[in-house]
Amino acid sequence: AFLGDVGEMLVLLAASILFVVAILKKEADRKNK
């Protein structure tokens, strides 16, 4: 593995945050339409 425990946690946190932002943007776009 090239990441340690903390690195894994930060990468998973980043993926989760980016996913939530994408979903919220799609929801806002749908609401505006």
Full PDB file with SEQRES, HELIX, SHEET, SSBOND, CRYST1, ORIGX, SCALE, CONECT and MASTER records, all heavy atoms in Angstrom:
SEQRES   1 A   33  ALA PHE LEU GLY ASP VAL GLY GLU MET LEU VAL LEU LEU          
SEQRES   2 A   33  ALA ALA SER ILE LEU PHE VAL VAL ALA ILE LEU LYS LYS          
SEQRES   3 A   33  GLU ALA ASP ARG LYS ASN LYS                                  
HELIX    1 AA1 ASP A    5  ASN A   32  1                                  28    
CRYST1    1.000    1.000    1.000  90.00  90.00  90.00 P 1           1          
ORIGX1      1.000000  0.000000  0.000000        0.00000                         
ORIGX2      0.000000  1.000000  0.000000        0.00000                         
ORIGX3      0.000000  0.000000  1.000000        0.00000                         
SCALE1      1.000000  0.000000  0.000000        0.00000                         
SCALE2      0.000000  1.000000  0.000000        0.00000                         
SCALE3      0.000000  0.000000  1.000000        0.00000                         
ATOM      1  N   ALA A   1       0.846  -1.195   0.000  1.00  0.00           N  
ATOM      2  CA  ALA A   1       0.000   0.000   0.000  1.00  0.00           C  
ATOM      3  C   ALA A   1       0.879   1.242   0.000  1.00  0.00           C  
ATOM      4  O   ALA A   1       1.901   1.294   0.681  1.00  0.00           O  
ATOM      5  CB  ALA A   1      -0.906  -0.003   1.218  1.00  0.00           C  
ATOM      6  N   PHE A   2       0.493   2.242  -0.779  1.00  0.00           N  
ATOM      7  CA  PHE A   2       1.310   3.445  -0.871  1.00  0.00           C  
ATOM      8  C   PHE A   2       0.815   4.561   0.050  1.00  0.00           C  
ATOM      9  O   PHE A   2       1.446   5.590   0.167  1.00  0.00           O  
ATOM     10  CB  PHE A   2       1.410   3.935  -2.325  1.00  0.00           C  
ATOM     11  CG  PHE A   2       0.094   4.081  -3.033  1.00  0.00           C  
ATOM     12  CD1 PHE A   2      -0.615   5.265  -2.981  1.00  0.00           C  
ATOM     13  CD2 PHE A   2      -0.429   3.031  -3.761  1.00  0.00           C  
ATOM     14  CE1 PHE A   2      -1.816   5.406  -3.628  1.00  0.00           C  
ATOM     15  CE2 PHE A   2      -1.628   3.161  -4.430  1.00  0.00           C  
ATOM     16  CZ  PHE A   2      -2.329   4.351  -4.360  1.00  0.00           C  
ATOM     17  N   LEU A   3      -0.326   4.369   0.705  1.00  0.00           N  
ATOM     18  CA  LEU A   3      -0.839   5.321   1.677  1.00  0.00           C  
ATOM     19  C   LEU A   3      -0.957   4.644   3.033  1.00  0.00           C  
ATOM     20  O   LEU A   3      -1.283   3.459   3.125  1.00  0.00           O  
ATOM     21  CB  LEU A   3      -2.222   5.833   1.268  1.00  0.00           C  
ATOM     22  CG  LEU A   3      -2.318   6.682   0.016  1.00  0.00           C  
ATOM     23  CD1 LEU A   3      -3.783   6.932  -0.328  1.00  0.00           C  
ATOM     24  CD2 LEU A   3      -1.602   7.990   0.193  1.00  0.00           C  
ATOM     25  N   GLY A   4      -0.723   5.407   4.075  1.00  0.00           N  
ATOM     26  CA  GLY A   4      -0.919   4.884   5.423  1.00  0.00           C  
ATOM     27  C   GLY A   4      -2.371   5.038   5.833  1.00  0.00           C  
ATOM     28  O   GLY A   4      -3.247   5.395   5.030  1.00  0.00           O  
ATOM     29  N   ASP A   5      -2.644   4.786   7.095  1.00  0.00           N  
ATOM     30  CA  ASP A   5      -4.014   4.866   7.597  1.00  0.00           C  
ATOM     31  C   ASP A   5      -4.581   6.277   7.482  1.00  0.00           C  
ATOM     32  O   ASP A   5      -5.716   6.466   7.051  1.00  0.00           O  
ATOM     33  CB  ASP A   5      -4.070   4.417   9.057  1.00  0.00           C  
ATOM     34  CG  ASP A   5      -3.805   2.935   9.221  1.00  0.00           C  
ATOM     35  OD1 ASP A   5      -3.937   2.201   8.218  1.00  0.00           O  
ATOM     36  OD2 ASP A   5      -3.465   2.522  10.341  1.00  0.00           O  
ATOM     37  N   VAL A   6      -3.792   7.261   7.859  1.00  0.00           N  
ATOM     38  CA  VAL A   6      -4.261   8.642   7.800  1.00  0.00           C  
ATOM     39  C   VAL A   6      -4.442   9.076   6.350  1.00  0.00           C  
ATOM     40  O   VAL A   6      -5.417   9.749   6.008  1.00  0.00           O  
ATOM     41  CB  VAL A   6      -3.285   9.584   8.540  1.00  0.00           C  
ATOM     42  CG1 VAL A   6      -3.702  11.034   8.394  1.00  0.00           C  
ATOM     43  CG2 VAL A   6      -3.201   9.209  10.013  1.00  0.00           C  
ATOM     44  N   GLY A   7      -3.544   8.675   5.478  1.00  0.00           N  
ATOM     45  CA  GLY A   7      -3.668   8.996   4.062  1.00  0.00           C  
ATOM     46  C   GLY A   7      -4.918   8.397   3.452  1.00  0.00           C  
ATOM     47  O   GLY A   7      -5.623   9.052   2.675  1.00  0.00           O  
ATOM     48  N   GLU A   8      -5.201   7.151   3.807  1.00  0.00           N  
ATOM     49  CA  GLU A   8      -6.427   6.497   3.328  1.00  0.00           C  
ATOM     50  C   GLU A   8      -7.662   7.258   3.791  1.00  0.00           C  
ATOM     51  O   GLU A   8      -8.593   7.471   3.028  1.00  0.00           O  
ATOM     52  CB  GLU A   8      -6.518   5.063   3.846  1.00  0.00           C  
ATOM     53  CG  GLU A   8      -5.773   4.061   3.042  1.00  0.00           C  
ATOM     54  CD  GLU A   8      -6.022   2.646   3.538  1.00  0.00           C  
ATOM     55  OE1 GLU A   8      -6.816   2.446   4.483  1.00  0.00           O  
ATOM     56  OE2 GLU A   8      -5.421   1.737   2.960  1.00  0.00           O  
ATOM     57  N   MET A   9      -7.655   7.659   5.059  1.00  0.00           N  
ATOM     58  CA  MET A   9      -8.796   8.372   5.601  1.00  0.00           C  
ATOM     59  C   MET A   9      -8.996   9.700   4.871  1.00  0.00           C  
ATOM     60  O   MET A   9     -10.128  10.053   4.509  1.00  0.00           O  
ATOM     61  CB  MET A   9      -8.613   8.641   7.091  1.00  0.00           C  
ATOM     62  CG  MET A   9      -9.763   9.412   7.693  1.00  0.00           C  
ATOM     63  SD  MET A   9      -9.390  10.299   9.215  1.00  0.00           S  
ATOM     64  CE  MET A   9      -8.076  11.387   8.722  1.00  0.00           C  
ATOM     65  N   LEU A  10      -7.920  10.423   4.608  1.00  0.00           N  
ATOM     66  CA  LEU A  10      -8.028  11.709   3.942  1.00  0.00           C  
ATOM     67  C   LEU A  10      -8.490  11.567   2.492  1.00  0.00           C  
ATOM     68  O   LEU A  10      -9.292  12.375   2.007  1.00  0.00           O  
ATOM     69  CB  LEU A  10      -6.690  12.452   4.007  1.00  0.00           C  
ATOM     70  CG  LEU A  10      -6.274  12.910   5.409  1.00  0.00           C  
ATOM     71  CD1 LEU A  10      -4.892  13.523   5.364  1.00  0.00           C  
ATOM     72  CD2 LEU A  10      -7.281  13.876   5.987  1.00  0.00           C  
ATOM     73  N   VAL A  11      -8.011  10.538   1.817  1.00  0.00           N  
ATOM     74  CA  VAL A  11      -8.437  10.307   0.437  1.00  0.00           C  
ATOM     75  C   VAL A  11      -9.919   9.927   0.400  1.00  0.00           C  
ATOM     76  O   VAL A  11     -10.671  10.427  -0.444  1.00  0.00           O  
ATOM     77  CB  VAL A  11      -7.555   9.224  -0.231  1.00  0.00           C  
ATOM     78  CG1 VAL A  11      -8.129   8.780  -1.559  1.00  0.00           C  
ATOM     79  CG2 VAL A  11      -6.142   9.749  -0.428  1.00  0.00           C  
ATOM     80  N   LEU A  12     -10.353   9.070   1.298  1.00  0.00           N  
ATOM     81  CA  LEU A  12     -11.771   8.699   1.348  1.00  0.00           C  
ATOM     82  C   LEU A  12     -12.639   9.891   1.733  1.00  0.00           C  
ATOM     83  O   LEU A  12     -13.731  10.069   1.188  1.00  0.00           O  
ATOM     84  CB  LEU A  12     -11.978   7.539   2.319  1.00  0.00           C  
ATOM     85  CG  LEU A  12     -13.346   6.895   2.325  1.00  0.00           C  
ATOM     86  CD1 LEU A  12     -13.715   6.383   0.935  1.00  0.00           C  
ATOM     87  CD2 LEU A  12     -13.391   5.764   3.320  1.00  0.00           C  
ATOM     88  N   LEU A  13     -12.163  10.730   2.637  1.00  0.00           N  
ATOM     89  CA  LEU A  13     -12.887  11.935   3.012  1.00  0.00           C  
ATOM     90  C   LEU A  13     -13.020  12.871   1.814  1.00  0.00           C  
ATOM     91  O   LEU A  13     -14.099  13.429   1.567  1.00  0.00           O  
ATOM     92  CB  LEU A  13     -12.176  12.644   4.168  1.00  0.00           C  
ATOM     93  CG  LEU A  13     -12.789  13.962   4.625  1.00  0.00           C  
ATOM     94  CD1 LEU A  13     -14.149  13.720   5.267  1.00  0.00           C  
ATOM     95  CD2 LEU A  13     -11.856  14.652   5.597  1.00  0.00           C  
ATOM     96  N   ALA A  14     -11.948  13.036   1.060  1.00  0.00           N  
ATOM     97  CA  ALA A  14     -11.988  13.892  -0.129  1.00  0.00           C  
ATOM     98  C   ALA A  14     -12.977  13.353  -1.157  1.00  0.00           C  
ATOM     99  O   ALA A  14     -13.745  14.115  -1.746  1.00  0.00           O  
ATOM    100  CB  ALA A  14     -10.592  14.011  -0.742  1.00  0.00           C  
ATOM    101  N   ALA A  15     -12.978  12.033  -1.365  1.00  0.00           N  
ATOM    102  CA  ALA A  15     -13.916  11.434  -2.315  1.00  0.00           C  
ATOM    103  C   ALA A  15     -15.356  11.655  -1.855  1.00  0.00           C  
ATOM    104  O   ALA A  15     -16.231  11.971  -2.669  1.00  0.00           O  
ATOM    105  CB  ALA A  15     -13.635   9.943  -2.468  1.00  0.00           C  
ATOM    106  N   SER A  16     -15.597  11.520  -0.577  1.00  0.00           N  
ATOM    107  CA  SER A  16     -16.952  11.720  -0.047  1.00  0.00           C  
ATOM    108  C   SER A  16     -17.401  13.165  -0.195  1.00  0.00           C  
ATOM    109  O   SER A  16     -18.542  13.433  -0.599  1.00  0.00           O  
ATOM    110  CB  SER A  16     -17.001  11.327   1.434  1.00  0.00           C  
ATOM    111  OG  SER A  16     -16.650   9.987   1.596  1.00  0.00           O  
ATOM    112  N   ILE A  17     -16.525  14.106   0.109  1.00  0.00           N  
ATOM    113  CA  ILE A  17     -16.869  15.522  -0.007  1.00  0.00           C  
ATOM    114  C   ILE A  17     -17.138  15.891  -1.460  1.00  0.00           C  
ATOM    115  O   ILE A  17     -18.113  16.581  -1.772  1.00  0.00           O  
ATOM    116  CB  ILE A  17     -15.763  16.398   0.605  1.00  0.00           C  
ATOM    117  CG1 ILE A  17     -15.773  16.247   2.124  1.00  0.00           C  
ATOM    118  CG2 ILE A  17     -15.932  17.863   0.206  1.00  0.00           C  
ATOM    119  CD1 ILE A  17     -14.611  16.897   2.824  1.00  0.00           C  
ATOM    120  N   LEU A  18     -16.288  15.435  -2.370  1.00  0.00           N  
ATOM    121  CA  LEU A  18     -16.497  15.724  -3.785  1.00  0.00           C  
ATOM    122  C   LEU A  18     -17.814  15.129  -4.280  1.00  0.00           C  
ATOM    123  O   LEU A  18     -18.525  15.753  -5.070  1.00  0.00           O  
ATOM    124  CB  LEU A  18     -15.326  15.199  -4.614  1.00  0.00           C  
ATOM    125  CG  LEU A  18     -14.022  15.978  -4.474  1.00  0.00           C  
ATOM    126  CD1 LEU A  18     -12.875  15.196  -5.098  1.00  0.00           C  
ATOM    127  CD2 LEU A  18     -14.151  17.344  -5.102  1.00  0.00           C  
ATOM    128  N   PHE A  19     -18.160  13.932  -3.814  1.00  0.00           N  
ATOM    129  CA  PHE A  19     -19.413  13.302  -4.208  1.00  0.00           C  
ATOM    130  C   PHE A  19     -20.611  14.105  -3.704  1.00  0.00           C  
ATOM    131  O   PHE A  19     -21.573  14.342  -4.440  1.00  0.00           O  
ATOM    132  CB  PHE A  19     -19.473  11.869  -3.688  1.00  0.00           C  
ATOM    133  CG  PHE A  19     -20.719  11.141  -4.081  1.00  0.00           C  
ATOM    134  CD1 PHE A  19     -20.867  10.661  -5.371  1.00  0.00           C  
ATOM    135  CD2 PHE A  19     -21.730  10.928  -3.168  1.00  0.00           C  
ATOM    136  CE1 PHE A  19     -22.022   9.993  -5.751  1.00  0.00           C  
ATOM    137  CE2 PHE A  19     -22.886  10.263  -3.531  1.00  0.00           C  
ATOM    138  CZ  PHE A  19     -23.021   9.791  -4.829  1.00  0.00           C  
ATOM    139  N   VAL A  20     -20.549  14.545  -2.466  1.00  0.00           N  
ATOM    140  CA  VAL A  20     -21.648  15.332  -1.898  1.00  0.00           C  
ATOM    141  C   VAL A  20     -21.805  16.649  -2.645  1.00  0.00           C  
ATOM    142  O   VAL A  20     -22.920  17.071  -2.956  1.00  0.00           O  
ATOM    143  CB  VAL A  20     -21.427  15.563  -0.387  1.00  0.00           C  
ATOM    144  CG1 VAL A  20     -22.385  16.604   0.156  1.00  0.00           C  
ATOM    145  CG2 VAL A  20     -21.580  14.257   0.376  1.00  0.00           C  
ATOM    146  N   VAL A  21     -20.691  17.305  -2.971  1.00  0.00           N  
ATOM    147  CA  VAL A  21     -20.758  18.557  -3.724  1.00  0.00           C  
ATOM    148  C   VAL A  21     -21.395  18.311  -5.094  1.00  0.00           C  
ATOM    149  O   VAL A  21     -22.238  19.093  -5.552  1.00  0.00           O  
ATOM    150  CB  VAL A  21     -19.358  19.186  -3.863  1.00  0.00           C  
ATOM    151  CG1 VAL A  21     -19.354  20.322  -4.870  1.00  0.00           C  
ATOM    152  CG2 VAL A  21     -18.860  19.675  -2.518  1.00  0.00           C  
ATOM    153  N   ALA A  22     -21.015  17.232  -5.756  1.00  0.00           N  
ATOM    154  CA  ALA A  22     -21.580  16.919  -7.071  1.00  0.00           C  
ATOM    155  C   ALA A  22     -23.085  16.692  -6.976  1.00  0.00           C  
ATOM    156  O   ALA A  22     -23.852  17.204  -7.814  1.00  0.00           O  
ATOM    157  CB  ALA A  22     -20.895  15.692  -7.662  1.00  0.00           C  
ATOM    158  N   ILE A  23     -23.531  15.963  -5.988  1.00  0.00           N  
ATOM    159  CA  ILE A  23     -24.959  15.684  -5.826  1.00  0.00           C  
ATOM    160  C   ILE A  23     -25.727  16.962  -5.502  1.00  0.00           C  
ATOM    161  O   ILE A  23     -26.809  17.207  -6.046  1.00  0.00           O  
ATOM    162  CB  ILE A  23     -25.185  14.610  -4.740  1.00  0.00           C  
ATOM    163  CG1 ILE A  23     -24.574  13.286  -5.170  1.00  0.00           C  
ATOM    164  CG2 ILE A  23     -26.664  14.452  -4.414  1.00  0.00           C  
ATOM    165  CD1 ILE A  23     -25.102  12.756  -6.476  1.00  0.00           C  
ATOM    166  N   LEU A  24     -25.175  17.810  -4.632  1.00  0.00           N  
ATOM    167  CA  LEU A  24     -25.851  19.054  -4.284  1.00  0.00           C  
ATOM    168  C   LEU A  24     -25.935  19.998  -5.485  1.00  0.00           C  
ATOM    169  O   LEU A  24     -26.940  20.688  -5.665  1.00  0.00           O  
ATOM    170  CB  LEU A  24     -25.144  19.738  -3.118  1.00  0.00           C  
ATOM    171  CG  LEU A  24     -25.300  19.050  -1.766  1.00  0.00           C  
ATOM    172  CD1 LEU A  24     -24.464  19.750  -0.711  1.00  0.00           C  
ATOM    173  CD2 LEU A  24     -26.758  18.994  -1.348  1.00  0.00           C  
ATOM    174  N   LYS A  25     -24.893  20.027  -6.314  1.00  0.00           N  
ATOM    175  CA  LYS A  25     -24.936  20.856  -7.520  1.00  0.00           C  
ATOM    176  C   LYS A  25     -25.992  20.343  -8.500  1.00  0.00           C  
ATOM    177  O   LYS A  25     -26.720  21.128  -9.093  1.00  0.00           O  
ATOM    178  CB  LYS A  25     -23.562  20.905  -8.193  1.00  0.00           C  
ATOM    179  CG  LYS A  25     -22.579  21.824  -7.482  1.00  0.00           C  
ATOM    180  CD  LYS A  25     -21.262  21.916  -8.198  1.00  0.00           C  
ATOM    181  CE  LYS A  25     -21.330  22.607  -9.505  1.00  0.00           C  
ATOM    182  NZ  LYS A  25     -21.499  24.037  -9.487  1.00  0.00           N  
ATOM    183  N   LYS A  26     -26.077  19.026  -8.666  1.00  0.00           N  
ATOM    184  CA  LYS A  26     -27.098  18.462  -9.554  1.00  0.00           C  
ATOM    185  C   LYS A  26     -28.496  18.776  -9.040  1.00  0.00           C  
ATOM    186  O   LYS A  26     -29.398  19.094  -9.810  1.00  0.00           O  
ATOM    187  CB  LYS A  26     -26.915  16.955  -9.692  1.00  0.00           C  
ATOM    188  CG  LYS A  26     -25.819  16.559 -10.638  1.00  0.00           C  
ATOM    189  CD  LYS A  26     -25.874  15.069 -10.894  1.00  0.00           C  
ATOM    190  CE  LYS A  26     -24.782  14.659 -11.827  1.00  0.00           C  
ATOM    191  NZ  LYS A  26     -25.161  14.824 -13.228  1.00  0.00           N  
ATOM    192  N   GLU A  27     -28.682  18.684  -7.741  1.00  0.00           N  
ATOM    193  CA  GLU A  27     -29.985  18.985  -7.157  1.00  0.00           C  
ATOM    194  C   GLU A  27     -30.329  20.461  -7.348  1.00  0.00           C  
ATOM    195  O   GLU A  27     -31.483  20.797  -7.673  1.00  0.00           O  
ATOM    196  CB  GLU A  27     -29.966  18.636  -5.671  1.00  0.00           C  
ATOM    197  CG  GLU A  27     -31.296  18.785  -4.991  1.00  0.00           C  
ATOM    198  CD  GLU A  27     -31.274  18.321  -3.553  1.00  0.00           C  
ATOM    199  OE1 GLU A  27     -30.552  17.356  -3.254  1.00  0.00           O  
ATOM    200  OE2 GLU A  27     -31.978  18.937  -2.742  1.00  0.00           O  
ATOM    201  N   ALA A  28     -29.367  21.347  -7.171  1.00  0.00           N  
ATOM    202  CA  ALA A  28     -29.608  22.780  -7.374  1.00  0.00           C  
ATOM    203  C   ALA A  28     -29.926  23.071  -8.824  1.00  0.00           C  
ATOM    204  O   ALA A  28     -30.807  23.884  -9.120  1.00  0.00           O  
ATOM    205  CB  ALA A  28     -28.394  23.581  -6.910  1.00  0.00           C  
ATOM    206  N   ASP A  29     -29.225  22.433  -9.748  1.00  0.00           N  
ATOM    207  CA  ASP A  29     -29.511  22.626 -11.170  1.00  0.00           C  
ATOM    208  C   ASP A  29     -30.923  22.149 -11.518  1.00  0.00           C  
ATOM    209  O   ASP A  29     -31.634  22.809 -12.269  1.00  0.00           O  
ATOM    210  CB  ASP A  29     -28.482  21.896 -12.043  1.00  0.00           C  
ATOM    211  CG  ASP A  29     -27.122  22.529 -11.993  1.00  0.00           C  
ATOM    212  OD1 ASP A  29     -27.013  23.702 -11.556  1.00  0.00           O  
ATOM    213  OD2 ASP A  29     -26.151  21.868 -12.403  1.00  0.00           O  
ATOM    214  N   ARG A  30     -31.307  21.013 -10.989  1.00  0.00           N  
ATOM    215  CA  ARG A  30     -32.647  20.493 -11.243  1.00  0.00           C  
ATOM    216  C   ARG A  30     -33.712  21.426 -10.665  1.00  0.00           C  
ATOM    217  O   ARG A  30     -34.739  21.674 -11.284  1.00  0.00           O  
ATOM    218  CB  ARG A  30     -32.798  19.100 -10.649  1.00  0.00           C  
ATOM    219  CG  ARG A  30     -34.144  18.478 -10.976  1.00  0.00           C  
ATOM    220  CD  ARG A  30     -34.329  17.123 -10.392  1.00  0.00           C  
ATOM    221  NE  ARG A  30     -33.305  16.215 -10.891  1.00  0.00           N  
ATOM    222  CZ  ARG A  30     -33.018  15.057 -10.321  1.00  0.00           C  
ATOM    223  NH1 ARG A  30     -33.685  14.667  -9.252  1.00  0.00           N  
ATOM    224  NH2 ARG A  30     -32.090  14.291 -10.823  1.00  0.00           N  
ATOM    225  N   LYS A  31     -33.435  21.968  -9.485  1.00  0.00           N  
ATOM    226  CA  LYS A  31     -34.380  22.877  -8.857  1.00  0.00           C  
ATOM    227  C   LYS A  31     -34.518  24.161  -9.682  1.00  0.00           C  
ATOM    228  O   LYS A  31     -35.615  24.684  -9.823  1.00  0.00           O  
ATOM    229  CB  LYS A  31     -33.900  23.196  -7.449  1.00  0.00           C  
ATOM    230  CG  LYS A  31     -34.917  23.818  -6.559  1.00  0.00           C  
ATOM    231  CD  LYS A  31     -34.377  23.923  -5.159  1.00  0.00           C  
ATOM    232  CE  LYS A  31     -35.483  24.213  -4.183  1.00  0.00           C  
ATOM    233  NZ  LYS A  31     -35.000  24.274  -2.813  1.00  0.00           N  
ATOM    234  N   ASN A  32     -33.415  24.661 -10.223  1.00  0.00           N  
ATOM    235  CA  ASN A  32     -33.454  25.871 -11.041  1.00  0.00           C  
ATOM    236  C   ASN A  32     -34.186  25.633 -12.370  1.00  0.00           C  
ATOM    237  O   ASN A  32     -34.827  26.531 -12.879  1.00  0.00           O  
ATOM    238  CB  ASN A  32     -32.049  26.389 -11.319  1.00  0.00           C  
ATOM    239  CG  ASN A  32     -31.423  27.015 -10.092  1.00  0.00           C  
ATOM    240  OD1 ASN A  32     -32.132  27.449  -9.187  1.00  0.00           O  
ATOM    241  ND2 ASN A  32     -30.119  27.042 -10.036  1.00  0.00           N  
ATOM    242  N   LYS A  33     -34.060  24.431 -12.930  1.00  0.00           N  
ATOM    243  CA  LYS A  33     -34.762  24.117 -14.170  1.00  0.00           C  
ATOM    244  C   LYS A  33     -36.277  24.074 -13.982  1.00  0.00           C  
ATOM    245  O   LYS A  33     -37.033  24.391 -14.881  1.00  0.00           O  
ATOM    246  CB  LYS A  33     -34.301  22.768 -14.740  1.00  0.00           C  
ATOM    247  CG  LYS A  33     -33.030  22.840 -15.511  1.00  0.00           C  
ATOM    248  CD  LYS A  33     -32.753  21.509 -16.159  1.00  0.00           C  
ATOM    249  CE  LYS A  33     -31.494  21.574 -16.996  1.00  0.00           C  
ATOM    250  NZ  LYS A  33     -31.219  20.284 -17.622  1.00  0.00           N  
TER     251      LYS A  33                                                      
MASTER        0    0    0    1    0    0    0    6  250    1    0    3          
END                                                                             
